[in-house]
Amino acid sequence: MTAERVERDAVNMLFAAVDGPPDKAAQPAFERLEKALPSMQGRSFYGYFDPVNLRYVACVERRADDDAAALGLDEGSLPGGTYLRARLKSEPPALYGQIGPTFDRLATEAGAAVDHTRPWLEHYRRHNEADVLVPVQK
């Protein structure tokens, strides 16, 4: 696994949150999100675990014509900044099984530079490719 530092802009999102740890709540959160969207084509998807509220949050980048209320989704934003990133490529479900251990490796590599004020993100680039992003201080 090769890790690199990247700068990301904040992203406006629509999201669906489900209470519980990632291994129990991620799939239902993404199912709820996908069911609400008229089309998933050309959209960027993200996920993260919110340890404060003990919930998994499935997100999609907001388009100008999206109506969160009509879709039954919440809106918010993912913070930008500096992240340590590792790109995973594998077929699901093996891809999903690599995410937790990759977060652990990135956090170890970042050490005291981990920024605990921002979420640790999964960016689903395509069905068999995901970026694992740990926020770090500059």
C-alpha atoms as a PDB file:
ATOM      1  CA  MET A   1       0.000   0.000   0.000  1.00  0.00           C
ATOM      2  CA  THR A   2       1.367   3.369  -1.001  1.00  0.00           C
ATOM      3  CA  ALA A   3       0.148   6.372   0.965  1.00  0.00           C
ATOM      4  CA  GLU A   4       0.335   9.958  -0.202  1.00  0.00           C
ATOM      5  CA  ARG A   5      -0.619  13.359   1.214  1.00  0.00           C
ATOM      6  CA  VAL A   6      -3.385  15.075  -0.722  1.00  0.00           C
ATOM      7  CA  GLU A   7      -5.288  18.351  -0.407  1.00  0.00           C
ATOM      8  CA  ARG A   8      -9.058  18.107  -0.759  1.00  0.00           C
ATOM      9  CA  ASP A   9     -11.704  20.788  -1.104  1.00  0.00           C
ATOM     10  CA  ALA A  10     -14.843  20.718   1.033  1.00  0.00           C
ATOM     11  CA  VAL A  11     -17.686  18.854  -0.682  1.00  0.00           C
ATOM     12  CA  ASN A  12     -21.416  19.574  -0.321  1.00  0.00           C
ATOM     13  CA  MET A  13     -23.244  16.321   0.322  1.00  0.00           C
ATOM     14  CA  LEU A  14     -26.581  14.607   0.666  1.00  0.00           C
ATOM     15  CA  PHE A  15     -26.474  11.800   3.176  1.00  0.00           C
ATOM     16  CA  ALA A  16     -28.249   8.965   4.941  1.00  0.00           C
ATOM     17  CA  ALA A  17     -27.107   7.954   8.429  1.00  0.00           C
ATOM     18  CA  VAL A  18     -27.760   4.683  10.232  1.00  0.00           C
ATOM     19  CA  ASP A  19     -26.961   4.073  13.903  1.00  0.00           C
ATOM     20  CA  GLY A  20     -24.353   1.434  14.610  1.00  0.00           C
ATOM     21  CA  PRO A  21     -20.781   0.458  13.789  1.00  0.00           C
ATOM     22  CA  PRO A  22     -19.601   0.343  10.155  1.00  0.00           C
ATOM     23  CA  ASP A  23     -19.823  -3.442   9.888  1.00  0.00           C
ATOM     24  CA  LYS A  24     -23.543  -3.293  10.769  1.00  0.00           C
ATOM     25  CA  ALA A  25     -24.655   0.132   9.519  1.00  0.00           C
ATOM     26  CA  ALA A  26     -22.720   0.826   6.284  1.00  0.00           C
ATOM     27  CA  GLN A  27     -24.778  -1.421   4.012  1.00  0.00           C
ATOM     28  CA  PRO A  28     -28.190  -0.185   5.245  1.00  0.00           C
ATOM     29  CA  ALA A  29     -26.996   3.448   5.020  1.00  0.00           C
ATOM     30  CA  PHE A  30     -25.867   3.031   1.404  1.00  0.00           C
ATOM     31  CA  GLU A  31     -29.052   1.131   0.524  1.00  0.00           C
ATOM     32  CA  ARG A  32     -31.148   3.998   1.905  1.00  0.00           C
ATOM     33  CA  LEU A  33     -29.058   6.568   0.026  1.00  0.00           C
ATOM     34  CA  GLU A  34     -29.168   4.696  -3.284  1.00  0.00           C
ATOM     35  CA  LYS A  35     -32.905   4.052  -3.012  1.00  0.00           C
ATOM     36  CA  ALA A  36     -33.545   7.802  -2.585  1.00  0.00           C
ATOM     37  CA  LEU A  37     -31.593   8.826  -5.695  1.00  0.00           C
ATOM     38  CA  PRO A  38     -33.258   8.882  -9.109  1.00  0.00           C
ATOM     39  CA  SER A  39     -29.900   7.867 -10.650  1.00  0.00           C
ATOM     40  CA  MET A  40     -26.479   6.944  -9.301  1.00  0.00           C
ATOM     41  CA  GLN A  41     -24.788   7.551 -12.653  1.00  0.00           C
ATOM     42  CA  GLY A  42     -21.822   9.905 -12.506  1.00  0.00           C
ATOM     43  CA  ARG A  43     -22.065  10.544  -8.760  1.00  0.00           C
ATOM     44  CA  SER A  44     -19.266  10.524  -6.179  1.00  0.00           C
ATOM     45  CA  PHE A  45     -19.999   8.473  -3.064  1.00  0.00           C
ATOM     46  CA  TYR A  46     -18.363   8.729   0.348  1.00  0.00           C
ATOM     47  CA  GLY A  47     -18.793   7.055   3.693  1.00  0.00           C
ATOM     48  CA  TYR A  48     -17.591   7.586   7.230  1.00  0.00           C
ATOM     49  CA  PHE A  49     -18.205   6.444  10.773  1.00  0.00           C
ATOM     50  CA  ASP A  50     -19.237   9.152  13.240  1.00  0.00           C
ATOM     51  CA  PRO A  51     -17.819   7.923  16.584  1.00  0.00           C
ATOM     52  CA  VAL A  52     -19.438  10.726  18.595  1.00  0.00           C
ATOM     53  CA  ASN A  53     -22.978   9.778  17.531  1.00  0.00           C
ATOM     54  CA  LEU A  54     -22.155   6.083  16.916  1.00  0.00           C
ATOM     55  CA  ARG A  55     -23.516   6.058  13.370  1.00  0.00           C
ATOM     56  CA  TYR A  56     -22.352   5.358   9.840  1.00  0.00           C
ATOM     57  CA  VAL A  57     -22.944   8.104   7.267  1.00  0.00           C
ATOM     58  CA  ALA A  58     -23.315   7.298   3.550  1.00  0.00           C
ATOM     59  CA  CYS A  59     -22.885  10.394   1.366  1.00  0.00           C
ATOM     60  CA  VAL A  60     -23.243  11.464  -2.238  1.00  0.00           C
ATOM     61  CA  GLU A  61     -21.870  14.669  -3.720  1.00  0.00           C
ATOM     62  CA  ARG A  62     -24.725  17.155  -4.029  1.00  0.00           C
ATOM     63  CA  ARG A  63     -25.742  18.365  -7.490  1.00  0.00           C
ATOM     64  CA  ALA A  64     -27.271  21.810  -8.070  1.00  0.00           C
ATOM     65  CA  ASP A  65     -30.669  20.317  -8.952  1.00  0.00           C
ATOM     66  CA  ASP A  66     -30.836  17.951  -5.944  1.00  0.00           C
ATOM     67  CA  ASP A  67     -33.715  18.604  -3.542  1.00  0.00           C
ATOM     68  CA  ALA A  68     -32.692  16.986  -0.254  1.00  0.00           C
ATOM     69  CA  ALA A  69     -36.167  17.273   1.300  1.00  0.00           C
ATOM     70  CA  ALA A  70     -37.893  15.736  -1.723  1.00  0.00           C
ATOM     71  CA  LEU A  71     -35.372  12.877  -1.739  1.00  0.00           C
ATOM     72  CA  GLY A  72     -35.763  12.320   2.010  1.00  0.00           C
ATOM     73  CA  LEU A  73     -32.054  12.900   2.641  1.00  0.00           C
ATOM     74  CA  ASP A  74     -30.094  15.195   4.925  1.00  0.00           C
ATOM     75  CA  GLU A  75     -27.560  17.718   3.657  1.00  0.00           C
ATOM     76  CA  GLY A  76     -24.190  18.808   4.917  1.00  0.00           C
ATOM     77  CA  SER A  77     -20.592  19.013   3.832  1.00  0.00           C
ATOM     78  CA  LEU A  78     -17.391  17.057   4.166  1.00  0.00           C
ATOM     79  CA  PRO A  79     -14.476  19.228   5.254  1.00  0.00           C
ATOM     80  CA  GLY A  80     -11.524  19.825   2.993  1.00  0.00           C
ATOM     81  CA  GLY A  81      -7.911  19.945   4.067  1.00  0.00           C
ATOM     82  CA  THR A  82      -4.905  17.670   4.095  1.00  0.00           C
ATOM     83  CA  TYR A  83      -5.426  13.903   4.110  1.00  0.00           C
ATOM     84  CA  LEU A  84      -3.218  10.859   3.995  1.00  0.00           C
ATOM     85  CA  ARG A  85      -4.648   8.705   1.187  1.00  0.00           C
ATOM     86  CA  ALA A  86      -4.341   5.079   0.120  1.00  0.00           C
ATOM     87  CA  ARG A  87      -6.095   3.797  -3.006  1.00  0.00           C
ATOM     88  CA  LEU A  88      -7.557   0.302  -2.841  1.00  0.00           C
ATOM     89  CA  LYS A  89      -8.436  -1.762  -5.913  1.00  0.00           C
ATOM     90  CA  SER A  90     -10.252  -5.049  -5.494  1.00  0.00           C
ATOM     91  CA  GLU A  91     -13.617  -6.612  -6.225  1.00  0.00           C
ATOM     92  CA  PRO A  92     -16.284  -6.337  -3.512  1.00  0.00           C
ATOM     93  CA  PRO A  93     -16.668  -7.726  -0.886  1.00  0.00           C
ATOM     94  CA  ALA A  94     -12.863  -8.118  -0.601  1.00  0.00           C
ATOM     95  CA  LEU A  95     -12.519  -4.366  -1.193  1.00  0.00           C
ATOM     96  CA  TYR A  96     -14.655  -3.580   1.868  1.00  0.00           C
ATOM     97  CA  GLY A  97     -12.605  -5.924   4.041  1.00  0.00           C
ATOM     98  CA  GLN A  98      -9.442  -3.923   3.271  1.00  0.00           C
ATOM     99  CA  ILE A  99     -10.829  -0.574   4.439  1.00  0.00           C
ATOM    100  CA  GLY A 100     -10.530  -0.999   8.235  1.00  0.00           C
ATOM    101  CA  PRO A 101      -6.962  -2.355   8.155  1.00  0.00           C
ATOM    102  CA  THR A 102      -5.965   0.418   5.736  1.00  0.00           C
ATOM    103  CA  PHE A 103      -7.345   3.067   8.118  1.00  0.00           C
ATOM    104  CA  ASP A 104      -5.241   1.483  10.872  1.00  0.00           C
ATOM    105  CA  ARG A 105      -2.055   1.532   8.738  1.00  0.00           C
ATOM    106  CA  LEU A 106      -2.595   5.155   7.666  1.00  0.00           C
ATOM    107  CA  ALA A 107      -3.251   6.255  11.251  1.00  0.00           C
ATOM    108  CA  THR A 108      -0.051   4.526  12.395  1.00  0.00           C
ATOM    109  CA  GLU A 109       1.901   6.185   9.593  1.00  0.00           C
ATOM    110  CA  ALA A 110       0.426   9.627  10.420  1.00  0.00           C
ATOM    111  CA  GLY A 111       1.039   9.228  14.161  1.00  0.00           C
ATOM    112  CA  ALA A 112       0.465  12.421  16.130  1.00  0.00           C
ATOM    113  CA  ALA A 113      -0.396  14.308  12.910  1.00  0.00           C
ATOM    114  CA  VAL A 114      -3.890  12.724  12.731  1.00  0.00           C
ATOM    115  CA  ASP A 115      -6.536  15.464  12.859  1.00  0.00           C
ATOM    116  CA  HIS A 116      -9.330  14.132  15.066  1.00  0.00           C
ATOM    117  CA  THR A 117     -11.609  17.108  14.307  1.00  0.00           C
ATOM    118  CA  ARG A 118     -12.433  15.827  10.797  1.00  0.00           C
ATOM    119  CA  PRO A 119     -13.970  12.520   9.660  1.00  0.00           C
ATOM    120  CA  TRP A 120     -11.930   9.642   8.289  1.00  0.00           C
ATOM    121  CA  LEU A 121     -13.363   9.112   4.809  1.00  0.00           C
ATOM    122  CA  GLU A 122     -13.980   6.356   2.313  1.00  0.00           C
ATOM    123  CA  HIS A 123     -14.312   7.719  -1.238  1.00  0.00           C
ATOM    124  CA  TYR A 124     -15.850   5.157  -3.579  1.00  0.00           C
ATOM    125  CA  ARG A 125     -14.392   5.977  -6.984  1.00  0.00           C
ATOM    126  CA  ARG A 126     -15.962   2.994  -8.784  1.00  0.00           C
ATOM    127  CA  HIS A 127     -17.396  -0.352  -7.746  1.00  0.00           C
ATOM    128  CA  ASN A 128     -13.906  -1.887  -7.370  1.00  0.00           C
ATOM    129  CA  GLU A 129     -11.862   1.141  -6.271  1.00  0.00           C
ATOM    130  CA  ALA A 130     -11.911   3.228  -3.104  1.00  0.00           C
ATOM    131  CA  ASP A 131      -9.706   5.857  -1.507  1.00  0.00           C
ATOM    132  CA  VAL A 132      -9.167   5.619   2.235  1.00  0.00           C
ATOM    133  CA  LEU A 133      -8.537   9.098   3.655  1.00  0.00           C
ATOM    134  CA  VAL A 134      -7.236   9.953   7.119  1.00  0.00           C
ATOM    135  CA  PRO A 135      -7.239  13.689   7.934  1.00  0.00           C
ATOM    136  CA  VAL A 136      -3.879  15.026   9.026  1.00  0.00           C
ATOM    137  CA  GLN A 137      -2.545  18.358  10.185  1.00  0.00           C
ATOM    138  CA  LYS A 138      -0.458  20.343   7.734  1.00  0.00           C
END
